[in-house]
């Protein structure tokens, strides 16, 4: 009985964390084109941006916990905005890192996903993403946010458990491309809003007040992280 259980656990471990063969190059490029078609058109982007908001607010929440702050909750709104509330010292490195984590989280997650895919761990990426969404769901404090995270996590779970290897690969590569490409656009959107006098309480402005560094330099950091992640992730995904 014990040996059967151990064998089952070993099989599950191998299924989740084992390596899969790299997909054909056309599938990788096709997944990137699909992601680009989601990120560029304004109407499609307005819906897809919810996924970027999940990563954005999840980044705030994760770094808040890692720096010793108390995470009170996360809210996701239908206009694709979000709010993460944490308690702790209102100034200092912990608060700075927490504020800086939002815009940098999606592209960095995409870069990490590209590293996993380049090593053949397609299923592992899907399961890790599902686990992170489950953890985030515990901290969601509104109905729309809970529904968004449940639908997103359910999609990852269904694909990772029921789909064949080709579908898993196509989905995983499309998701990572979307994080890399979609991680670039929000910083440009924030820059445009600030140029027209909006977003006065944005992450960049909060960081400016915390560090006495101009908000424009924080925007430059967001651009640098997202564009460098896109270039590095693309090289891993395309194996060039």
C-alpha atoms as a PDB file:
ATOM      1  CA  UNK A   1       0.000   0.000   0.000  1.00  0.00           C
ATOM      2  CA  UNK A   2       2.769   2.393   0.986  1.00  0.00           C
ATOM      3  CA  UNK A   3       4.795   1.559  -2.115  1.00  0.00           C
ATOM      4  CA  UNK A   4       1.746   2.254  -4.300  1.00  0.00           C
ATOM      5  CA  UNK A   5       1.259   5.640  -2.662  1.00  0.00           C
ATOM      6  CA  UNK A   6       4.943   6.467  -3.088  1.00  0.00           C
ATOM      7  CA  UNK A   7       4.769   5.449  -6.732  1.00  0.00           C
ATOM      8  CA  UNK A   8       1.724   7.674  -7.258  1.00  0.00           C
ATOM      9  CA  UNK A   9       3.467  10.622  -5.628  1.00  0.00           C
ATOM     10  CA  UNK A  10       6.566  10.008  -7.713  1.00  0.00           C
ATOM     11  CA  UNK A  11       4.468   9.884 -10.870  1.00  0.00           C
ATOM     12  CA  UNK A  12       2.715  13.138  -9.931  1.00  0.00           C
ATOM     13  CA  UNK A  13       6.036  14.814  -9.156  1.00  0.00           C
ATOM     14  CA  UNK A  14       7.459  13.694 -12.482  1.00  0.00           C
ATOM     15  CA  UNK A  15       4.348  14.893 -14.310  1.00  0.00           C
ATOM     16  CA  UNK A  16       4.486  18.353 -12.750  1.00  0.00           C
ATOM     17  CA  UNK A  17       8.221  19.001 -12.481  1.00  0.00           C
ATOM     18  CA  UNK A  18       9.556  16.798 -15.239  1.00  0.00           C
ATOM     19  CA  UNK A  19      10.770  18.312 -18.491  1.00  0.00           C
ATOM     20  CA  UNK A  20       8.895  18.318 -21.758  1.00  0.00           C
ATOM     21  CA  UNK A  21      10.357  18.581 -25.227  1.00  0.00           C
ATOM     22  CA  UNK A  22      10.489  22.045 -26.749  1.00  0.00           C
ATOM     23  CA  UNK A  23       7.640  22.807 -29.158  1.00  0.00           C
ATOM     24  CA  UNK A  24       8.167  23.613 -32.812  1.00  0.00           C
ATOM     25  CA  UNK A  25       9.426  27.133 -33.531  1.00  0.00           C
ATOM     26  CA  UNK A  26       6.249  27.996 -35.435  1.00  0.00           C
ATOM     27  CA  UNK A  27       4.188  27.370 -32.299  1.00  0.00           C
ATOM     28  CA  UNK A  28       6.403  29.673 -30.215  1.00  0.00           C
ATOM     29  CA  UNK A  29       6.184  32.435 -32.816  1.00  0.00           C
ATOM     30  CA  UNK A  30       2.452  31.876 -33.278  1.00  0.00           C
ATOM     31  CA  UNK A  31       1.860  32.148 -29.527  1.00  0.00           C
ATOM     32  CA  UNK A  32       3.763  35.435 -29.542  1.00  0.00           C
ATOM     33  CA  UNK A  33       1.656  36.785 -32.386  1.00  0.00           C
ATOM     34  CA  UNK A  34      -1.533  35.809 -30.554  1.00  0.00           C
ATOM     35  CA  UNK A  35      -0.308  37.622 -27.438  1.00  0.00           C
ATOM     36  CA  UNK A  36       0.565  40.670 -29.528  1.00  0.00           C
ATOM     37  CA  UNK A  37      -2.926  40.626 -31.057  1.00  0.00           C
ATOM     38  CA  UNK A  38      -4.349  40.712 -27.527  1.00  0.00           C
ATOM     39  CA  UNK A  39      -2.098  43.507 -26.243  1.00  0.00           C
ATOM     40  CA  UNK A  40      -2.242  45.984 -29.147  1.00  0.00           C
ATOM     41  CA  UNK A  41      -5.963  46.480 -30.032  1.00  0.00           C
ATOM     42  CA  UNK A  42      -7.528  48.806 -27.420  1.00  0.00           C
ATOM     43  CA  UNK A  43     -10.839  46.927 -27.106  1.00  0.00           C
ATOM     44  CA  UNK A  44      -9.230  43.541 -26.591  1.00  0.00           C
ATOM     45  CA  UNK A  45      -6.596  45.034 -24.285  1.00  0.00           C
ATOM     46  CA  UNK A  46      -9.230  46.539 -21.985  1.00  0.00           C
ATOM     47  CA  UNK A  47     -10.475  43.025 -21.206  1.00  0.00           C
ATOM     48  CA  UNK A  48      -7.094  41.261 -21.193  1.00  0.00           C
ATOM     49  CA  UNK A  49      -5.586  43.932 -18.950  1.00  0.00           C
ATOM     50  CA  UNK A  50      -7.381  42.289 -16.005  1.00  0.00           C
ATOM     51  CA  UNK A  51      -4.742  39.554 -16.103  1.00  0.00           C
ATOM     52  CA  UNK A  52      -1.959  42.141 -15.924  1.00  0.00           C
ATOM     53  CA  UNK A  53      -3.735  43.755 -12.964  1.00  0.00           C
ATOM     54  CA  UNK A  54      -3.750  40.389 -11.175  1.00  0.00           C
ATOM     55  CA  UNK A  55       0.030  40.173 -11.611  1.00  0.00           C
ATOM     56  CA  UNK A  56       0.467  43.854 -10.691  1.00  0.00           C
ATOM     57  CA  UNK A  57      -1.465  43.652  -7.427  1.00  0.00           C
ATOM     58  CA  UNK A  58      -0.046  40.217  -6.688  1.00  0.00           C
ATOM     59  CA  UNK A  59       3.424  41.745  -6.948  1.00  0.00           C
ATOM     60  CA  UNK A  60       2.513  44.412  -4.406  1.00  0.00           C
ATOM     61  CA  UNK A  61       1.096  41.774  -2.061  1.00  0.00           C
ATOM     62  CA  UNK A  62       3.968  39.315  -2.339  1.00  0.00           C
ATOM     63  CA  UNK A  63       6.665  41.927  -1.746  1.00  0.00           C
ATOM     64  CA  UNK A  64       4.687  43.386   1.151  1.00  0.00           C
ATOM     65  CA  UNK A  65       4.736  39.974   2.841  1.00  0.00           C
ATOM     66  CA  UNK A  66       8.399  39.354   2.008  1.00  0.00           C
ATOM     67  CA  UNK A  67       9.405  42.673   3.564  1.00  0.00           C
ATOM     68  CA  UNK A  68       7.527  41.982   6.790  1.00  0.00           C
ATOM     69  CA  UNK A  69       4.431  44.054   6.188  1.00  0.00           C
ATOM     70  CA  UNK A  70       0.939  42.826   7.055  1.00  0.00           C
ATOM     71  CA  UNK A  71      -1.219  42.265   3.990  1.00  0.00           C
ATOM     72  CA  UNK A  72      -4.817  43.275   4.688  1.00  0.00           C
ATOM     73  CA  UNK A  73      -6.278  42.487   1.296  1.00  0.00           C
ATOM     74  CA  UNK A  74      -6.374  42.960  -2.460  1.00  0.00           C
ATOM     75  CA  UNK A  75      -9.183  44.359  -4.599  1.00  0.00           C
ATOM     76  CA  UNK A  76      -9.546  44.071  -8.362  1.00  0.00           C
ATOM     77  CA  UNK A  77     -12.011  46.322 -10.167  1.00  0.00           C
ATOM     78  CA  UNK A  78     -13.888  46.015 -13.450  1.00  0.00           C
ATOM     79  CA  UNK A  79     -12.102  49.077 -14.879  1.00  0.00           C
ATOM     80  CA  UNK A  80      -8.848  47.005 -14.599  1.00  0.00           C
ATOM     81  CA  UNK A  81      -7.600  49.059 -11.653  1.00  0.00           C
ATOM     82  CA  UNK A  82      -6.680  47.432  -8.361  1.00  0.00           C
ATOM     83  CA  UNK A  83      -5.773  48.176  -4.777  1.00  0.00           C
ATOM     84  CA  UNK A  84      -3.485  46.344  -2.379  1.00  0.00           C
ATOM     85  CA  UNK A  85      -3.640  47.376   1.287  1.00  0.00           C
ATOM     86  CA  UNK A  86      -0.833  46.497   3.671  1.00  0.00           C
ATOM     87  CA  UNK A  87       0.104  47.664   7.138  1.00  0.00           C
ATOM     88  CA  UNK A  88       3.501  48.510   8.501  1.00  0.00           C
ATOM     89  CA  UNK A  89       5.973  51.343   8.617  1.00  0.00           C
ATOM     90  CA  UNK A  90       4.745  54.008   6.147  1.00  0.00           C
ATOM     91  CA  UNK A  91       8.285  54.768   5.009  1.00  0.00           C
ATOM     92  CA  UNK A  92      11.514  52.828   4.549  1.00  0.00           C
ATOM     93  CA  UNK A  93      12.793  50.119   2.231  1.00  0.00           C
ATOM     94  CA  UNK A  94       9.861  47.766   2.787  1.00  0.00           C
ATOM     95  CA  UNK A  95       7.322  50.337   1.657  1.00  0.00           C
ATOM     96  CA  UNK A  96       9.510  51.404  -1.270  1.00  0.00           C
ATOM     97  CA  UNK A  97       9.939  47.846  -2.537  1.00  0.00           C
ATOM     98  CA  UNK A  98       6.222  47.181  -2.117  1.00  0.00           C
ATOM     99  CA  UNK A  99       5.292  50.259  -4.140  1.00  0.00           C
ATOM    100  CA  UNK A 100       7.854  49.455  -6.841  1.00  0.00           C
ATOM    101  CA  UNK A 101       6.686  45.854  -7.226  1.00  0.00           C
ATOM    102  CA  UNK A 102       3.438  46.563  -9.088  1.00  0.00           C
ATOM    103  CA  UNK A 103       4.579  47.703 -12.517  1.00  0.00           C
ATOM    104  CA  UNK A 104       7.642  45.464 -12.454  1.00  0.00           C
ATOM    105  CA  UNK A 105       5.820  42.269 -11.451  1.00  0.00           C
ATOM    106  CA  UNK A 106       4.175  41.301 -14.802  1.00  0.00           C
ATOM    107  CA  UNK A 107       7.331  41.574 -16.942  1.00  0.00           C
ATOM    108  CA  UNK A 108       9.478  39.889 -14.287  1.00  0.00           C
ATOM    109  CA  UNK A 109       6.947  37.060 -14.004  1.00  0.00           C
ATOM    110  CA  UNK A 110       7.107  36.780 -17.787  1.00  0.00           C
ATOM    111  CA  UNK A 111      10.899  36.617 -17.625  1.00  0.00           C
ATOM    112  CA  UNK A 112      10.742  33.891 -14.983  1.00  0.00           C
ATOM    113  CA  UNK A 113       8.202  32.008 -17.076  1.00  0.00           C
ATOM    114  CA  UNK A 114      10.455  32.254 -20.112  1.00  0.00           C
ATOM    115  CA  UNK A 115      13.297  30.761 -18.070  1.00  0.00           C
ATOM    116  CA  UNK A 116      11.084  27.820 -17.065  1.00  0.00           C
ATOM    117  CA  UNK A 117       9.930  27.238 -20.634  1.00  0.00           C
ATOM    118  CA  UNK A 118      13.465  27.407 -21.984  1.00  0.00           C
ATOM    119  CA  UNK A 119      14.360  24.557 -19.612  1.00  0.00           C
ATOM    120  CA  UNK A 120      11.385  22.472 -20.769  1.00  0.00           C
ATOM    121  CA  UNK A 121       9.256  22.844 -17.640  1.00  0.00           C
ATOM    122  CA  UNK A 122       5.955  23.659 -19.288  1.00  0.00           C
ATOM    123  CA  UNK A 123       3.687  21.801 -16.848  1.00  0.00           C
ATOM    124  CA  UNK A 124       5.600  23.155 -13.859  1.00  0.00           C
ATOM    125  CA  UNK A 125       4.942  26.693 -15.046  1.00  0.00           C
ATOM    126  CA  UNK A 126       1.204  26.011 -15.280  1.00  0.00           C
ATOM    127  CA  UNK A 127       1.051  24.478 -11.801  1.00  0.00           C
ATOM    128  CA  UNK A 128       3.158  27.212 -10.208  1.00  0.00           C
ATOM    129  CA  UNK A 129       0.881  29.838 -11.755  1.00  0.00           C
ATOM    130  CA  UNK A 130      -2.185  27.984 -10.436  1.00  0.00           C
ATOM    131  CA  UNK A 131      -0.695  27.799  -6.938  1.00  0.00           C
ATOM    132  CA  UNK A 132       0.100  31.527  -6.918  1.00  0.00           C
ATOM    133  CA  UNK A 133      -3.470  32.332  -7.995  1.00  0.00           C
ATOM    134  CA  UNK A 134      -4.899  30.139  -5.227  1.00  0.00           C
ATOM    135  CA  UNK A 135      -2.762  31.946  -2.654  1.00  0.00           C
ATOM    136  CA  UNK A 136      -3.838  35.303  -4.065  1.00  0.00           C
ATOM    137  CA  UNK A 137      -7.505  34.296  -3.929  1.00  0.00           C
ATOM    138  CA  UNK A 138      -7.260  34.043  -0.140  1.00  0.00           C
ATOM    139  CA  UNK A 139      -6.375  37.737   0.024  1.00  0.00           C
ATOM    140  CA  UNK A 140      -9.022  39.013  -2.414  1.00  0.00           C
ATOM    141  CA  UNK A 141     -11.610  41.211  -0.697  1.00  0.00           C
ATOM    142  CA  UNK A 142     -14.241  41.870  -3.373  1.00  0.00           C
ATOM    143  CA  UNK A 143     -16.535  39.737  -5.529  1.00  0.00           C
ATOM    144  CA  UNK A 144     -15.269  40.919  -8.914  1.00  0.00           C
ATOM    145  CA  UNK A 145     -11.683  40.248  -7.880  1.00  0.00           C
ATOM    146  CA  UNK A 146     -12.556  36.772  -6.592  1.00  0.00           C
ATOM    147  CA  UNK A 147     -14.397  35.920  -9.816  1.00  0.00           C
ATOM    148  CA  UNK A 148     -11.491  37.129 -11.962  1.00  0.00           C
ATOM    149  CA  UNK A 149      -8.912  35.114 -10.036  1.00  0.00           C
ATOM    150  CA  UNK A 150     -11.115  31.987  -9.941  1.00  0.00           C
ATOM    151  CA  UNK A 151     -11.690  32.085 -13.700  1.00  0.00           C
ATOM    152  CA  UNK A 152      -8.002  32.660 -14.385  1.00  0.00           C
ATOM    153  CA  UNK A 153      -6.858  29.958 -11.976  1.00  0.00           C
ATOM    154  CA  UNK A 154      -9.501  27.536 -13.258  1.00  0.00           C
ATOM    155  CA  UNK A 155      -8.247  27.987 -16.800  1.00  0.00           C
ATOM    156  CA  UNK A 156      -4.681  27.201 -15.746  1.00  0.00           C
ATOM    157  CA  UNK A 157      -5.849  24.154 -13.784  1.00  0.00           C
ATOM    158  CA  UNK A 158      -7.942  22.745 -16.638  1.00  0.00           C
ATOM    159  CA  UNK A 159      -5.164  23.182 -19.165  1.00  0.00           C
ATOM    160  CA  UNK A 160      -2.484  21.711 -16.888  1.00  0.00           C
ATOM    161  CA  UNK A 161      -4.615  18.700 -15.904  1.00  0.00           C
ATOM    162  CA  UNK A 162      -6.722  17.853 -18.944  1.00  0.00           C
ATOM    163  CA  UNK A 163      -5.007  19.218 -22.052  1.00  0.00           C
ATOM    164  CA  UNK A 164      -2.470  17.320 -24.119  1.00  0.00           C
ATOM    165  CA  UNK A 165       1.155  18.400 -24.309  1.00  0.00           C
ATOM    166  CA  UNK A 166       0.749  20.466 -27.484  1.00  0.00           C
ATOM    167  CA  UNK A 167      -2.148  22.484 -26.034  1.00  0.00           C
ATOM    168  CA  UNK A 168      -0.247  22.963 -22.773  1.00  0.00           C
ATOM    169  CA  UNK A 169       2.776  24.237 -24.663  1.00  0.00           C
ATOM    170  CA  UNK A 170       0.738  26.642 -26.810  1.00  0.00           C
ATOM    171  CA  UNK A 171      -1.110  27.995 -23.770  1.00  0.00           C
ATOM    172  CA  UNK A 172       2.030  28.350 -21.633  1.00  0.00           C
ATOM    173  CA  UNK A 173       3.973  30.160 -24.343  1.00  0.00           C
ATOM    174  CA  UNK A 174       1.023  32.476 -25.084  1.00  0.00           C
ATOM    175  CA  UNK A 175       0.718  33.347 -21.378  1.00  0.00           C
ATOM    176  CA  UNK A 176       4.424  34.129 -21.033  1.00  0.00           C
ATOM    177  CA  UNK A 177       4.446  36.195 -24.216  1.00  0.00           C
ATOM    178  CA  UNK A 178       1.398  38.053 -22.914  1.00  0.00           C
ATOM    179  CA  UNK A 179       3.118  38.878 -19.608  1.00  0.00           C
ATOM    180  CA  UNK A 180       6.216  40.090 -21.429  1.00  0.00           C
ATOM    181  CA  UNK A 181       4.357  42.161 -24.022  1.00  0.00           C
ATOM    182  CA  UNK A 182       1.523  43.226 -21.747  1.00  0.00           C
ATOM    183  CA  UNK A 183       4.012  44.207 -19.072  1.00  0.00           C
ATOM    184  CA  UNK A 184       5.354  46.948 -21.355  1.00  0.00           C
ATOM    185  CA  UNK A 185       2.108  48.792 -22.078  1.00  0.00           C
ATOM    186  CA  UNK A 186       0.968  49.888 -18.556  1.00  0.00           C
ATOM    187  CA  UNK A 187       4.028  52.074 -17.959  1.00  0.00           C
ATOM    188  CA  UNK A 188       3.354  53.917 -21.224  1.00  0.00           C
ATOM    189  CA  UNK A 189      -0.298  54.306 -20.224  1.00  0.00           C
ATOM    190  CA  UNK A 190       0.755  55.740 -16.870  1.00  0.00           C
ATOM    191  CA  UNK A 191       3.164  58.114 -18.589  1.00  0.00           C
ATOM    192  CA  UNK A 192       0.368  59.368 -20.864  1.00  0.00           C
ATOM    193  CA  UNK A 193      -1.998  59.901 -17.925  1.00  0.00           C
ATOM    194  CA  UNK A 194       0.610  61.858 -15.992  1.00  0.00           C
ATOM    195  CA  UNK A 195       1.342  63.981 -19.052  1.00  0.00           C
ATOM    196  CA  UNK A 196      -2.311  65.039 -19.060  1.00  0.00           C
ATOM    197  CA  UNK A 197      -2.356  65.725 -15.325  1.00  0.00           C
ATOM    198  CA  UNK A 198      -3.916  62.448 -14.207  1.00  0.00           C
ATOM    199  CA  UNK A 199      -2.828  59.542 -11.986  1.00  0.00           C
ATOM    200  CA  UNK A 200      -1.554  61.863  -9.251  1.00  0.00           C
ATOM    201  CA  UNK A 201      -1.477  59.035  -6.739  1.00  0.00           C
ATOM    202  CA  UNK A 202       0.167  56.476  -9.019  1.00  0.00           C
ATOM    203  CA  UNK A 203       2.890  54.091  -7.883  1.00  0.00           C
ATOM    204  CA  UNK A 204       5.508  56.383  -9.435  1.00  0.00           C
ATOM    205  CA  UNK A 205       4.184  59.392  -7.512  1.00  0.00           C
ATOM    206  CA  UNK A 206       4.025  57.427  -4.261  1.00  0.00           C
ATOM    207  CA  UNK A 207       7.608  56.315  -4.798  1.00  0.00           C
ATOM    208  CA  UNK A 208       8.601  59.912  -5.491  1.00  0.00           C
ATOM    209  CA  UNK A 209       7.143  60.998  -2.150  1.00  0.00           C
ATOM    210  CA  UNK A 210       8.819  58.096  -0.359  1.00  0.00           C
ATOM    211  CA  UNK A 211      12.281  58.584  -1.870  1.00  0.00           C
ATOM    212  CA  UNK A 212      12.352  62.241  -3.000  1.00  0.00           C
ATOM    213  CA  UNK A 213      13.341  60.926  -6.428  1.00  0.00           C
ATOM    214  CA  UNK A 214      11.335  62.416  -9.333  1.00  0.00           C
ATOM    215  CA  UNK A 215       8.408  60.283 -10.484  1.00  0.00           C
ATOM    216  CA  UNK A 216       9.810  60.438 -14.015  1.00  0.00           C
ATOM    217  CA  UNK A 217      12.854  58.455 -12.921  1.00  0.00           C
ATOM    218  CA  UNK A 218      10.634  55.786 -11.404  1.00  0.00           C
ATOM    219  CA  UNK A 219       8.744  55.657 -14.692  1.00  0.00           C
ATOM    220  CA  UNK A 220      12.082  55.192 -16.433  1.00  0.00           C
ATOM    221  CA  UNK A 221      12.769  52.257 -14.109  1.00  0.00           C
ATOM    222  CA  UNK A 222       9.403  50.693 -14.974  1.00  0.00           C
ATOM    223  CA  UNK A 223      10.181  51.092 -18.687  1.00  0.00           C
ATOM    224  CA  UNK A 224      13.679  49.666 -18.271  1.00  0.00           C
ATOM    225  CA  UNK A 225      12.496  46.592 -16.367  1.00  0.00           C
ATOM    226  CA  UNK A 226       9.667  45.835 -18.785  1.00  0.00           C
ATOM    227  CA  UNK A 227      11.680  46.342 -21.974  1.00  0.00           C
ATOM    228  CA  UNK A 228      14.729  44.447 -20.704  1.00  0.00           C
ATOM    229  CA  UNK A 229      12.480  41.599 -19.535  1.00  0.00           C
ATOM    230  CA  UNK A 230      10.836  41.497 -22.966  1.00  0.00           C
ATOM    231  CA  UNK A 231      14.182  41.328 -24.756  1.00  0.00           C
ATOM    232  CA  UNK A 232      15.632  38.742 -22.387  1.00  0.00           C
ATOM    233  CA  UNK A 233      12.467  36.647 -22.317  1.00  0.00           C
ATOM    234  CA  UNK A 234      12.135  36.724 -26.104  1.00  0.00           C
ATOM    235  CA  UNK A 235      15.683  35.410 -26.469  1.00  0.00           C
ATOM    236  CA  UNK A 236      14.895  32.505 -24.159  1.00  0.00           C
ATOM    237  CA  UNK A 237      11.578  31.724 -25.823  1.00  0.00           C
ATOM    238  CA  UNK A 238      13.005  31.884 -29.349  1.00  0.00           C
ATOM    239  CA  UNK A 239      16.250  30.180 -28.288  1.00  0.00           C
ATOM    240  CA  UNK A 240      18.462  32.737 -30.014  1.00  0.00           C
END
